[in-house]
Protein backbone atom coordinates (compact mmCIF):
# COMPACT_ATOMS: atom_id res chain seq x y z
CA THR A 1 8.42 0.35 15.08
CA ALA A 2 5.18 1.03 12.67
CA ARG A 3 1.55 1.61 14.22
CA LEU A 4 -0.99 -0.17 12.93
CA GLY A 5 -5.08 -0.11 13.24
CA LEU A 6 -7.17 -2.53 11.72
CA GLY A 7 -11.17 -2.75 12.18
CA GLY A 8 -14.22 -3.72 10.28
CA ALA A 9 -16.24 -6.78 9.72
CA LEU A 10 -15.39 -9.72 8.14
CA ARG A 11 -19.06 -11.44 6.96
CA SER A 12 -18.67 -15.26 6.22
CA GLY A 13 -20.99 -16.78 3.73
CA THR A 14 -24.14 -18.86 5.28
CA THR A 15 -23.66 -21.77 3.18
CA LEU A 16 -21.66 -23.73 2.25
CA GLY A 17 -19.05 -22.27 -0.87
CA GLU A 18 -20.09 -19.17 -0.01
CA THR A 19 -17.69 -16.53 -0.09
CA THR A 20 -16.16 -14.72 2.97
CA LEU A 21 -17.07 -10.84 2.61
CA ALA A 22 -14.11 -8.27 3.59
CA ASP A 23 -15.14 -4.59 4.82
CA MET A 24 -12.32 -2.67 6.59
CA GLN A 25 -10.18 0.13 7.51
CA LEU A 26 -6.79 0.60 7.84
CA ASP A 27 -4.79 2.72 9.37
CA LEU A 28 -0.82 2.89 9.36
CA ASP A 29 1.78 5.35 10.61
CA GLN A 30 5.09 5.22 10.71
CA MET A 31 5.69 2.12 8.20
CA PRO A 32 9.05 1.66 7.25
CA LEU A 33 8.97 2.20 2.92
CA ALA A 34 12.31 -0.55 3.68
CA TRP A 35 8.91 -3.21 3.73
CA ILE A 36 7.65 -2.92 1.22
CA PRO A 37 10.04 -4.77 -1.73
CA TRP A 38 11.09 -2.89 -4.12
CA PRO A 39 12.79 -3.42 -7.81
CA GLY A 40 16.76 -4.09 -7.32
CA PHE A 41 17.46 -1.11 -9.69
CA LEU A 42 15.42 1.19 -7.47
CA PRO A 43 16.16 0.26 -3.59
CA CYS A 44 14.43 1.78 -1.33
CA GLU A 45 17.35 3.26 0.84
CA SER A 46 14.87 5.01 3.68
CA GLY A 47 11.35 6.44 3.93
CA ARG A 48 8.24 5.70 6.38
CA ALA A 49 4.45 6.14 5.00
CA GLY A 50 1.00 6.31 6.50
CA GLY A 51 -2.36 7.03 6.00
CA HIS A 52 -5.88 4.96 5.77
CA LEU A 53 -7.48 2.30 3.78
CA ALA A 54 -10.60 1.22 3.21
CA ILE A 55 -10.59 -2.18 2.23
CA ASN A 56 -13.69 -3.74 0.69
CA GLY A 57 -14.73 -7.36 -1.26
CA SER A 58 -14.34 -11.15 -1.07
CA LEU A 59 -11.25 -13.18 0.30
CA GLY A 60 -12.02 -15.88 -2.42
CA GLY A 61 -12.55 -13.10 -5.28
CA GLY A 62 -10.85 -10.00 -4.91
CA LEU A 63 -9.82 -7.40 -2.81
CA SER A 64 -9.55 -3.98 -3.42
CA ALA A 65 -8.57 -0.75 -0.91
CA ARG A 66 -8.87 2.96 -1.69
CA GLY A 67 -8.06 5.52 0.30
CA GLU A 68 -4.69 8.67 1.19
CA VAL A 69 -1.33 7.76 1.80
CA THR A 70 1.86 10.61 2.79
CA VAL A 71 5.18 9.12 1.85
CA ASP A 72 7.85 11.27 4.08
CA GLU A 73 11.94 11.19 3.67
CA LEU A 74 11.65 9.32 0.52
CA LEU A 75 15.35 8.14 -1.16
CA LEU A 76 15.60 6.21 -3.41
CA LYS A 77 18.60 4.86 -5.20
CA LEU A 78 18.67 4.63 -9.03
CA ASP A 79 20.87 1.81 -10.77
CA HIS A 80 22.14 1.03 -13.90
CA LYS A 81 24.82 0.30 -15.79
CA GLY A 82 27.11 0.88 -12.33
CA ARG A 83 25.74 4.41 -12.26
CA HIS A 84 24.26 5.50 -9.07
CA HIS A 85 21.21 8.75 -8.73
CA TYR A 86 19.62 9.21 -5.84
CA TRP A 87 16.12 10.68 -5.40
CA ASP A 88 14.69 12.26 -2.31
CA VAL A 89 12.05 13.30 -2.13
CA ASP A 90 10.74 14.99 1.47
CA ARG A 91 6.94 15.41 1.34
CA LEU A 92 4.12 13.16 -1.07
CA PRO A 93 0.70 13.12 -0.53
CA LEU A 94 -1.35 10.11 -2.24
CA GLU A 95 -4.55 8.96 -3.22
CA VAL A 96 -4.19 5.26 -3.27
CA GLU A 97 -6.43 2.50 -5.47
CA THR A 98 -5.27 -1.00 -5.58
CA THR A 99 -6.27 -4.48 -5.99
CA TRP A 100 -5.48 -8.01 -5.18
CA LYS A 101 -6.23 -10.52 -7.57
CA ASN A 102 -5.23 -13.54 -8.98
CA GLY A 103 -2.49 -13.32 -6.33
CA ARG A 104 -1.20 -9.87 -7.41
CA TRP A 105 -0.97 -6.49 -5.93
CA HIS A 106 -2.32 -3.78 -9.04
CA ILE A 107 -1.68 -0.11 -7.54
CA LEU A 108 -2.46 2.52 -8.81
CA ALA A 109 -1.29 6.04 -6.82
CA HIS A 110 -1.40 9.72 -7.96
CA CYS A 111 -1.06 12.78 -6.39
CA PRO A 112 -4.34 15.28 -5.16
CA ARG A 113 -5.30 18.52 -7.11
CA ALA A 114 -4.39 21.24 -5.31
């Protein structure tokens, strides 16, 4: 079970053909990382994430999200030519910037500077 909070506003255009604008805040807690589609060669065995994202944009054009996400107890399994390597990360804080355009998510995530 994951806790999810979504708040903010959707503003509909006042004239025909005008796009709907989004200005929202998404809060996640304990989201299983297995819910995210991972590449076949790097499946997620376990892990969860939580954080806060500000979502802005137009529903007809493109959306962007920016915020902080913390990944906990991540376990990835790298499969390559019949061999397996496990990658285990206890805690990983990330600053995230994403865009949704033309039916695709583009995600940039990096660790904040200490």
